[in-house]
Amino acid sequence: AENLPDWIMSEVLASPTKTISYPIPTDSFEQILIQTYQASTDQEGQVLGFWETIFDLKQPLQTYLDSSAQALVVWSDATSGASFKEEADK
């Protein structure tokens, strides 16, 4: 865990599931990468360590979309306009 940034360890430990996931930006839909950090704890809740996993969601997502007759479409807020207003924007 020495090489994990403090802010990641803090977010993982603050999470109810002791797990945080972040998308990894890619240039296309060829890969849909998710980076997950998870804390391993003992029965008393003491942190034993952290592990990091990078998973490509492309194949499982494609299987789901194919079986449900759904599709991903490219959407850009910059060209289509805002579809919702955040509460903080008021």
PDB file of N, CA and C in Angstrom:
ATOM      1  N   ALA A   1       0.821  -1.205   0.000  1.00  0.00           N
ATOM      2  CA  ALA A   1       0.000   0.000   0.000  1.00  0.00           C
ATOM      3  C   ALA A   1       0.854   1.255   0.000  1.00  0.00           C
ATOM      4  N   GLU A   2       2.180   1.078   0.166  1.00  0.00           N
ATOM      5  CA  GLU A   2       3.041   2.263   0.241  1.00  0.00           C
ATOM      6  C   GLU A   2       3.011   3.079  -1.047  1.00  0.00           C
ATOM      7  N   ASN A   3       2.733   2.423  -2.189  1.00  0.00           N
ATOM      8  CA  ASN A   3       2.762   3.145  -3.450  1.00  0.00           C
ATOM      9  C   ASN A   3       1.397   3.713  -3.828  1.00  0.00           C
ATOM     10  N   LEU A   4       0.347   3.453  -3.046  1.00  0.00           N
ATOM     11  CA  LEU A   4      -0.959   4.054  -3.322  1.00  0.00           C
ATOM     12  C   LEU A   4      -0.977   5.466  -2.765  1.00  0.00           C
ATOM     13  N   PRO A   5      -1.498   6.420  -3.545  1.00  0.00           N
ATOM     14  CA  PRO A   5      -1.627   7.785  -3.014  1.00  0.00           C
ATOM     15  C   PRO A   5      -2.543   7.804  -1.787  1.00  0.00           C
ATOM     16  N   ASP A   6      -2.251   8.680  -0.847  1.00  0.00           N
ATOM     17  CA  ASP A   6      -3.043   8.793   0.388  1.00  0.00           C
ATOM     18  C   ASP A   6      -4.519   9.046   0.100  1.00  0.00           C
ATOM     19  N   TRP A   7      -4.805   9.868  -0.932  1.00  0.00           N
ATOM     20  CA  TRP A   7      -6.212  10.198  -1.203  1.00  0.00           C
ATOM     21  C   TRP A   7      -6.991   8.968  -1.663  1.00  0.00           C
ATOM     22  N   ILE A   8      -6.345   8.052  -2.360  1.00  0.00           N
ATOM     23  CA  ILE A   8      -7.029   6.821  -2.779  1.00  0.00           C
ATOM     24  C   ILE A   8      -7.284   5.943  -1.554  1.00  0.00           C
ATOM     25  N   MET A   9      -6.279   5.767  -0.711  1.00  0.00           N
ATOM     26  CA  MET A   9      -6.475   4.965   0.501  1.00  0.00           C
ATOM     27  C   MET A   9      -7.586   5.551   1.362  1.00  0.00           C
ATOM     28  N   SER A  10      -7.627   6.874   1.490  1.00  0.00           N
ATOM     29  CA  SER A  10      -8.672   7.526   2.286  1.00  0.00           C
ATOM     30  C   SER A  10     -10.055   7.279   1.709  1.00  0.00           C
ATOM     31  N   GLU A  11     -10.193   7.396   0.381  1.00  0.00           N
ATOM     32  CA  GLU A  11     -11.489   7.171  -0.254  1.00  0.00           C
ATOM     33  C   GLU A  11     -11.930   5.722  -0.121  1.00  0.00           C
ATOM     34  N   VAL A  12     -10.991   4.796  -0.279  1.00  0.00           N
ATOM     35  CA  VAL A  12     -11.324   3.370  -0.137  1.00  0.00           C
ATOM     36  C   VAL A  12     -11.817   3.099   1.281  1.00  0.00           C
ATOM     37  N   LEU A  13     -11.091   3.585   2.272  1.00  0.00           N
ATOM     38  CA  LEU A  13     -11.446   3.320   3.662  1.00  0.00           C
ATOM     39  C   LEU A  13     -12.735   4.021   4.065  1.00  0.00           C
ATOM     40  N   ALA A  14     -13.058   5.134   3.428  1.00  0.00           N
ATOM     41  CA  ALA A  14     -14.300   5.857   3.734  1.00  0.00           C
ATOM     42  C   ALA A  14     -15.516   5.204   3.081  1.00  0.00           C
ATOM     43  N   SER A  15     -15.282   4.377   2.084  1.00  0.00           N
ATOM     44  CA  SER A  15     -16.378   3.717   1.379  1.00  0.00           C
ATOM     45  C   SER A  15     -16.988   2.620   2.256  1.00  0.00           C
ATOM     46  N   PRO A  16     -18.325   2.521   2.282  1.00  0.00           N
ATOM     47  CA  PRO A  16     -18.966   1.461   3.079  1.00  0.00           C
ATOM     48  C   PRO A  16     -18.527   0.057   2.665  1.00  0.00           C
ATOM     49  N   THR A  17     -18.193  -0.131   1.398  1.00  0.00           N
ATOM     50  CA  THR A  17     -17.775  -1.450   0.900  1.00  0.00           C
ATOM     51  C   THR A  17     -16.256  -1.604   0.879  1.00  0.00           C
ATOM     52  N   LYS A  18     -15.537  -0.561   1.287  1.00  0.00           N
ATOM     53  CA  LYS A  18     -14.059  -0.541   1.242  1.00  0.00           C
ATOM     54  C   LYS A  18     -13.550  -0.767  -0.170  1.00  0.00           C
ATOM     55  N   THR A  19     -14.337  -0.303  -1.152  1.00  0.00           N
ATOM     56  CA  THR A  19     -14.001  -0.454  -2.567  1.00  0.00           C
ATOM     57  C   THR A  19     -14.341   0.833  -3.300  1.00  0.00           C
ATOM     58  N   ILE A  20     -13.454   1.276  -4.177  1.00  0.00           N
ATOM     59  CA  ILE A  20     -13.692   2.447  -5.023  1.00  0.00           C
ATOM     60  C   ILE A  20     -13.278   2.077  -6.442  1.00  0.00           C
ATOM     61  N   SER A  21     -14.113   2.472  -7.418  1.00  0.00           N
ATOM     62  CA  SER A  21     -13.783   2.224  -8.824  1.00  0.00           C
ATOM     63  C   SER A  21     -13.782   3.526  -9.598  1.00  0.00           C
ATOM     64  N   TYR A  22     -12.885   3.609 -10.555  1.00  0.00           N
ATOM     65  CA  TYR A  22     -12.759   4.784 -11.409  1.00  0.00           C
ATOM     66  C   TYR A  22     -12.662   4.334 -12.868  1.00  0.00           C
ATOM     67  N   PRO A  23     -13.343   5.044 -13.779  1.00  0.00           N
ATOM     68  CA  PRO A  23     -13.141   4.729 -15.196  1.00  0.00           C
ATOM     69  C   PRO A  23     -11.771   5.225 -15.642  1.00  0.00           C
ATOM     70  N   ILE A  24     -11.157   4.502 -16.550  1.00  0.00           N
ATOM     71  CA  ILE A  24      -9.890   4.924 -17.147  1.00  0.00           C
ATOM     72  C   ILE A  24     -10.224   5.436 -18.546  1.00  0.00           C
ATOM     73  N   PRO A  25      -9.971   6.709 -18.826  1.00  0.00           N
ATOM     74  CA  PRO A  25     -10.311   7.255 -20.148  1.00  0.00           C
ATOM     75  C   PRO A  25      -9.592   6.507 -21.268  1.00  0.00           C
ATOM     76  N   THR A  26     -10.348   6.210 -22.331  1.00  0.00           N
ATOM     77  CA  THR A  26      -9.780   5.599 -23.527  1.00  0.00           C
ATOM     78  C   THR A  26     -10.285   6.379 -24.737  1.00  0.00           C
ATOM     79  N   ASP A  27      -9.650   6.172 -25.871  1.00  0.00           N
ATOM     80  CA  ASP A  27      -9.986   6.932 -27.073  1.00  0.00           C
ATOM     81  C   ASP A  27     -11.154   6.342 -27.852  1.00  0.00           C
ATOM     82  N   SER A  28     -11.608   5.144 -27.480  1.00  0.00           N
ATOM     83  CA  SER A  28     -12.667   4.499 -28.256  1.00  0.00           C
ATOM     84  C   SER A  28     -13.414   3.514 -27.380  1.00  0.00           C
ATOM     85  N   PHE A  29     -14.393   2.846 -27.981  1.00  0.00           N
ATOM     86  CA  PHE A  29     -15.119   1.800 -27.274  1.00  0.00           C
ATOM     87  C   PHE A  29     -14.444   0.443 -27.431  1.00  0.00           C
ATOM     88  N   GLU A  30     -13.207   0.417 -27.934  1.00  0.00           N
ATOM     89  CA  GLU A  30     -12.502  -0.861 -28.071  1.00  0.00           C
ATOM     90  C   GLU A  30     -12.239  -1.485 -26.706  1.00  0.00           C
ATOM     91  N   GLN A  31     -12.053  -0.638 -25.699  1.00  0.00           N
ATOM     92  CA  GLN A  31     -11.892  -1.088 -24.328  1.00  0.00           C
ATOM     93  C   GLN A  31     -12.705  -0.159 -23.440  1.00  0.00           C
ATOM     94  N   ILE A  32     -13.285  -0.715 -22.412  1.00  0.00           N
ATOM     95  CA  ILE A  32     -13.961   0.080 -21.389  1.00  0.00           C
ATOM     96  C   ILE A  32     -13.304  -0.333 -20.073  1.00  0.00           C
ATOM     97  N   LEU A  33     -12.301   0.431 -19.659  1.00  0.00           N
ATOM     98  CA  LEU A  33     -11.469   0.049 -18.524  1.00  0.00           C
ATOM     99  C   LEU A  33     -11.955   0.670 -17.228  1.00  0.00           C
ATOM    100  N   ILE A  34     -12.015  -0.165 -16.186  1.00  0.00           N
ATOM    101  CA  ILE A  34     -12.385   0.275 -14.847  1.00  0.00           C
ATOM    102  C   ILE A  34     -11.256  -0.125 -13.904  1.00  0.00           C
ATOM    103  N   GLN A  35     -10.769   0.840 -13.134  1.00  0.00           N
ATOM    104  CA  GLN A  35      -9.713   0.579 -12.156  1.00  0.00           C
ATOM    105  C   GLN A  35     -10.371   0.552 -10.774  1.00  0.00           C
ATOM    106  N   THR A  36     -10.168  -0.548 -10.056  1.00  0.00           N
ATOM    107  CA  THR A  36     -10.796  -0.722  -8.745  1.00  0.00           C
ATOM    108  C   THR A  36      -9.731  -0.902  -7.678  1.00  0.00           C
ATOM    109  N   TYR A  37      -9.925  -0.201  -6.557  1.00  0.00           N
ATOM    110  CA  TYR A  37      -9.066  -0.355  -5.391  1.00  0.00           C
ATOM    111  C   TYR A  37      -9.934  -0.923  -4.276  1.00  0.00           C
ATOM    112  N   GLN A  38      -9.414  -1.909  -3.548  1.00  0.00           N
ATOM    113  CA  GLN A  38     -10.173  -2.520  -2.469  1.00  0.00           C
ATOM    114  C   GLN A  38      -9.260  -2.764  -1.283  1.00  0.00           C
ATOM    115  N   ALA A  39      -9.797  -2.508  -0.090  1.00  0.00           N
ATOM    116  CA  ALA A  39      -9.044  -2.784   1.132  1.00  0.00           C
ATOM    117  C   ALA A  39      -9.379  -4.183   1.619  1.00  0.00           C
ATOM    118  N   SER A  40      -8.380  -4.882   2.093  1.00  0.00           N
ATOM    119  CA  SER A  40      -8.579  -6.176   2.741  1.00  0.00           C
ATOM    120  C   SER A  40      -8.484  -5.931   4.240  1.00  0.00           C
ATOM    121  N   THR A  41      -9.512  -6.375   4.983  1.00  0.00           N
ATOM    122  CA  THR A  41      -9.522  -6.154   6.427  1.00  0.00           C
ATOM    123  C   THR A  41      -9.724  -7.479   7.159  1.00  0.00           C
ATOM    124  N   ASP A  42      -9.280  -7.495   8.407  1.00  0.00           N
ATOM    125  CA  ASP A  42      -9.523  -8.686   9.213  1.00  0.00           C
ATOM    126  C   ASP A  42     -10.886  -8.564   9.902  1.00  0.00           C
ATOM    127  N   GLN A  43     -11.230  -9.532  10.747  1.00  0.00           N
ATOM    128  CA  GLN A  43     -12.552  -9.535  11.384  1.00  0.00           C
ATOM    129  C   GLN A  43     -12.767  -8.345  12.302  1.00  0.00           C
ATOM    130  N   GLU A  44     -11.691  -7.777  12.809  1.00  0.00           N
ATOM    131  CA  GLU A  44     -11.803  -6.602  13.685  1.00  0.00           C
ATOM    132  C   GLU A  44     -11.819  -5.293  12.893  1.00  0.00           C
ATOM    133  N   GLY A  45     -11.701  -5.392  11.560  1.00  0.00           N
ATOM    134  CA  GLY A  45     -11.725  -4.194  10.730  1.00  0.00           C
ATOM    135  C   GLY A  45     -10.360  -3.560  10.510  1.00  0.00           C
ATOM    136  N   GLN A  46      -9.303  -4.207  10.996  1.00  0.00           N
ATOM    137  CA  GLN A  46      -7.958  -3.678  10.782  1.00  0.00           C
ATOM    138  C   GLN A  46      -7.552  -3.921   9.330  1.00  0.00           C
ATOM    139  N   VAL A  47      -6.952  -2.900   8.710  1.00  0.00           N
ATOM    140  CA  VAL A  47      -6.547  -3.010   7.307  1.00  0.00           C
ATOM    141  C   VAL A  47      -5.323  -3.915   7.186  1.00  0.00           C
ATOM    142  N   LEU A  48      -5.468  -4.932   6.356  1.00  0.00           N
ATOM    143  CA  LEU A  48      -4.357  -5.854   6.092  1.00  0.00           C
ATOM    144  C   LEU A  48      -3.577  -5.420   4.857  1.00  0.00           C
ATOM    145  N   GLY A  49      -4.246  -4.716   3.946  1.00  0.00           N
ATOM    146  CA  GLY A  49      -3.594  -4.269   2.732  1.00  0.00           C
ATOM    147  C   GLY A  49      -4.619  -3.798   1.719  1.00  0.00           C
ATOM    148  N   PHE A  50      -4.141  -3.420   0.565  1.00  0.00           N
ATOM    149  CA  PHE A  50      -4.985  -2.933  -0.520  1.00  0.00           C
ATOM    150  C   PHE A  50      -4.636  -3.708  -1.776  1.00  0.00           C
ATOM    151  N   TRP A  51      -5.604  -3.875  -2.660  1.00  0.00           N
ATOM    152  CA  TRP A  51      -5.259  -4.387  -3.972  1.00  0.00           C
ATOM    153  C   TRP A  51      -5.959  -3.585  -5.039  1.00  0.00           C
ATOM    154  N   GLU A  52      -5.343  -3.602  -6.197  1.00  0.00           N
ATOM    155  CA  GLU A  52      -5.791  -2.816  -7.350  1.00  0.00           C
ATOM    156  C   GLU A  52      -6.056  -3.781  -8.500  1.00  0.00           C
ATOM    157  N   THR A  53      -7.185  -3.564  -9.164  1.00  0.00           N
ATOM    158  CA  THR A  53      -7.545  -4.386 -10.322  1.00  0.00           C
ATOM    159  C   THR A  53      -7.959  -3.470 -11.459  1.00  0.00           C
ATOM    160  N   ILE A  54      -7.513  -3.774 -12.667  1.00  0.00           N
ATOM    161  CA  ILE A  54      -7.999  -3.081 -13.860  1.00  0.00           C
ATOM    162  C   ILE A  54      -8.748  -4.110 -14.685  1.00  0.00           C
ATOM    163  N   PHE A  55     -10.010  -3.801 -14.994  1.00  0.00           N
ATOM    164  CA  PHE A  55     -10.867  -4.741 -15.692  1.00  0.00           C
ATOM    165  C   PHE A  55     -11.425  -4.090 -16.946  1.00  0.00           C
ATOM    166  N   ASP A  56     -11.436  -4.829 -18.041  1.00  0.00           N
ATOM    167  CA  ASP A  56     -12.018  -4.358 -19.294  1.00  0.00           C
ATOM    168  C   ASP A  56     -13.470  -4.837 -19.342  1.00  0.00           C
ATOM    169  N   LEU A  57     -14.407  -3.902 -19.224  1.00  0.00           N
ATOM    170  CA  LEU A  57     -15.839  -4.228 -19.228  1.00  0.00           C
ATOM    171  C   LEU A  57     -16.396  -4.477 -20.622  1.00  0.00           C
ATOM    172  N   LYS A  58     -15.589  -4.291 -21.649  1.00  0.00           N
ATOM    173  CA  LYS A  58     -16.091  -4.351 -23.023  1.00  0.00           C
ATOM    174  C   LYS A  58     -16.844  -5.644 -23.328  1.00  0.00           C
ATOM    175  N   GLN A  59     -16.239  -6.805 -23.073  1.00  0.00           N
ATOM    176  CA  GLN A  59     -16.892  -8.064 -23.439  1.00  0.00           C
ATOM    177  C   GLN A  59     -18.138  -8.353 -22.602  1.00  0.00           C
ATOM    178  N   PRO A  60     -18.082  -8.234 -21.259  1.00  0.00           N
ATOM    179  CA  PRO A  60     -19.311  -8.467 -20.490  1.00  0.00           C
ATOM    180  C   PRO A  60     -20.425  -7.478 -20.857  1.00  0.00           C
ATOM    181  N   LEU A  61     -20.053  -6.227 -21.091  1.00  0.00           N
ATOM    182  CA  LEU A  61     -21.056  -5.234 -21.470  1.00  0.00           C
ATOM    183  C   LEU A  61     -21.637  -5.540 -22.842  1.00  0.00           C
ATOM    184  N   GLN A  62     -20.795  -5.930 -23.795  1.00  0.00           N
ATOM    185  CA  GLN A  62     -21.280  -6.270 -25.130  1.00  0.00           C
ATOM    186  C   GLN A  62     -22.232  -7.466 -25.068  1.00  0.00           C
ATOM    187  N   THR A  63     -21.894  -8.456 -24.257  1.00  0.00           N
ATOM    188  CA  THR A  63     -22.766  -9.616 -24.088  1.00  0.00           C
ATOM    189  C   THR A  63     -24.121  -9.183 -23.534  1.00  0.00           C
ATOM    190  N   TYR A  64     -24.103  -8.304 -22.531  1.00  0.00           N
ATOM    191  CA  TYR A  64     -25.360  -7.799 -21.964  1.00  0.00           C
ATOM    192  C   TYR A  64     -26.164  -7.034 -23.012  1.00  0.00           C
ATOM    193  N   LEU A  65     -25.507  -6.139 -23.726  1.00  0.00           N
ATOM    194  CA  LEU A  65     -26.213  -5.337 -24.725  1.00  0.00           C
ATOM    195  C   LEU A  65     -26.800  -6.222 -25.819  1.00  0.00           C
ATOM    196  N   ASP A  66     -26.031  -7.203 -26.278  1.00  0.00           N
ATOM    197  CA  ASP A  66     -26.526  -8.113 -27.316  1.00  0.00           C
ATOM    198  C   ASP A  66     -27.737  -8.904 -26.829  1.00  0.00           C
ATOM    199  N   SER A  67     -27.690  -9.377 -25.600  1.00  0.00           N
ATOM    200  CA  SER A  67     -28.784 -10.211 -25.095  1.00  0.00           C
ATOM    201  C   SER A  67     -30.014  -9.401 -24.719  1.00  0.00           C
ATOM    202  N   SER A  68     -29.842  -8.098 -24.500  1.00  0.00           N
ATOM    203  CA  SER A  68     -30.975  -7.258 -24.113  1.00  0.00           C
ATOM    204  C   SER A  68     -31.446  -6.356 -25.255  1.00  0.00           C
ATOM    205  N   ALA A  69     -30.850  -6.498 -26.431  1.00  0.00           N
ATOM    206  CA  ALA A  69     -31.203  -5.689 -27.613  1.00  0.00           C
ATOM    207  C   ALA A  69     -31.034  -4.197 -27.345  1.00  0.00           C
ATOM    208  N   GLN A  70     -30.012  -3.844 -26.567  1.00  0.00           N
ATOM    209  CA  GLN A  70     -29.698  -2.445 -26.303  1.00  0.00           C
ATOM    210  C   GLN A  70     -28.371  -2.104 -26.980  1.00  0.00           C
ATOM    211  N   ALA A  71     -28.068  -0.803 -27.013  1.00  0.00           N
ATOM    212  CA  ALA A  71     -26.822  -0.365 -27.633  1.00  0.00           C
ATOM    213  C   ALA A  71     -26.273   0.841 -26.898  1.00  0.00           C
ATOM    214  N   LEU A  72     -24.955   1.001 -26.947  1.00  0.00           N
ATOM    215  CA  LEU A  72     -24.320   2.217 -26.467  1.00  0.00           C
ATOM    216  C   LEU A  72     -24.280   3.216 -27.606  1.00  0.00           C
ATOM    217  N   VAL A  73     -24.593   4.461 -27.310  1.00  0.00           N
ATOM    218  CA  VAL A  73     -24.491   5.488 -28.339  1.00  0.00           C
ATOM    219  C   VAL A  73     -23.574   6.584 -27.830  1.00  0.00           C
ATOM    220  N   VAL A  74     -22.822   7.179 -28.728  1.00  0.00           N
ATOM    221  CA  VAL A  74     -21.941   8.278 -28.361  1.00  0.00           C
ATOM    222  C   VAL A  74     -22.799   9.510 -28.154  1.00  0.00           C
ATOM    223  N   TRP A  75     -22.618  10.178 -27.021  1.00  0.00           N
ATOM    224  CA  TRP A  75     -23.431  11.339 -26.677  1.00  0.00           C
ATOM    225  C   TRP A  75     -22.509  12.401 -26.127  1.00  0.00           C
ATOM    226  N   SER A  76     -22.695  13.612 -26.579  1.00  0.00           N
ATOM    227  CA  SER A  76     -21.868  14.711 -26.103  1.00  0.00           C
ATOM    228  C   SER A  76     -22.753  15.843 -25.635  1.00  0.00           C
ATOM    229  N   ASP A  77     -22.603  16.223 -24.382  1.00  0.00           N
ATOM    230  CA  ASP A  77     -23.372  17.325 -23.822  1.00  0.00           C
ATOM    231  C   ASP A  77     -23.057  18.639 -24.540  1.00  0.00           C
ATOM    232  N   ALA A  78     -21.838  18.747 -25.077  1.00  0.00           N
ATOM    233  CA  ALA A  78     -21.421  19.994 -25.726  1.00  0.00           C
ATOM    234  C   ALA A  78     -22.205  20.267 -27.008  1.00  0.00           C
ATOM    235  N   THR A  79     -22.647  19.216 -27.692  1.00  0.00           N
ATOM    236  CA  THR A  79     -23.365  19.429 -28.947  1.00  0.00           C
ATOM    237  C   THR A  79     -24.873  19.319 -28.799  1.00  0.00           C
ATOM    238  N   SER A  80     -25.337  18.600 -27.779  1.00  0.00           N
ATOM    239  CA  SER A  80     -26.776  18.381 -27.659  1.00  0.00           C
ATOM    240  C   SER A  80     -27.418  19.252 -26.599  1.00  0.00           C
ATOM    241  N   GLY A  81     -26.617  19.876 -25.752  1.00  0.00           N
ATOM    242  CA  GLY A  81     -27.175  20.691 -24.677  1.00  0.00           C
ATOM    243  C   GLY A  81     -27.357  19.869 -23.420  1.00  0.00           C
ATOM    244  N   ALA A  82     -27.515  20.556 -22.323  1.00  0.00           N
ATOM    245  CA  ALA A  82     -27.662  19.880 -21.032  1.00  0.00           C
ATOM    246  C   ALA A  82     -29.007  19.180 -20.951  1.00  0.00           C
ATOM    247  N   SER A  83     -29.009  17.991 -20.348  1.00  0.00           N
ATOM    248  CA  SER A  83     -30.256  17.255 -20.198  1.00  0.00           C
ATOM    249  C   SER A  83     -30.772  17.308 -18.765  1.00  0.00           C
ATOM    250  N   PHE A  84     -29.964  17.788 -17.837  1.00  0.00           N
ATOM    251  CA  PHE A  84     -30.417  17.923 -16.455  1.00  0.00           C
ATOM    252  C   PHE A  84     -29.610  19.033 -15.802  1.00  0.00           C
ATOM    253  N   LYS A  85     -30.104  19.506 -14.669  1.00  0.00           N
ATOM    254  CA  LYS A  85     -29.416  20.567 -13.947  1.00  0.00           C
ATOM    255  C   LYS A  85     -29.049  20.042 -12.572  1.00  0.00           C
ATOM    256  N   GLU A  86     -27.781  20.135 -12.232  1.00  0.00           N
ATOM    257  CA  GLU A  86     -27.330  19.701 -10.927  1.00  0.00           C
ATOM    258  C   GLU A  86     -27.910  20.631  -9.868  1.00  0.00           C
ATOM    259  N   GLU A  87     -28.196  20.071  -8.704  1.00  0.00           N
ATOM    260  CA  GLU A  87     -28.704  20.880  -7.601  1.00  0.00           C
ATOM    261  C   GLU A  87     -27.709  21.978  -7.229  1.00  0.00           C
ATOM    262  N   ALA A  88     -26.426  21.677  -7.321  1.00  0.00           N
ATOM    263  CA  ALA A  88     -25.379  22.644  -6.969  1.00  0.00           C
ATOM    264  C   ALA A  88     -25.319  23.822  -7.949  1.00  0.00           C
ATOM    265  N   ASP A  89     -25.903  23.665  -9.148  1.00  0.00           N
ATOM    266  CA  ASP A  89     -25.858  24.735 -10.137  1.00  0.00           C
ATOM    267  C   ASP A  89     -26.841  25.865  -9.841  1.00  0.00           C
ATOM    268  N   LYS A  90     -27.768  25.633  -8.937  1.00  0.00           N
ATOM    269  CA  LYS A  90     -28.809  26.640  -8.656  1.00  0.00           C
ATOM    270  C   LYS A  90     -28.270  27.774  -7.825  1.00  0.00           C
TER     271      LYS A  90
END
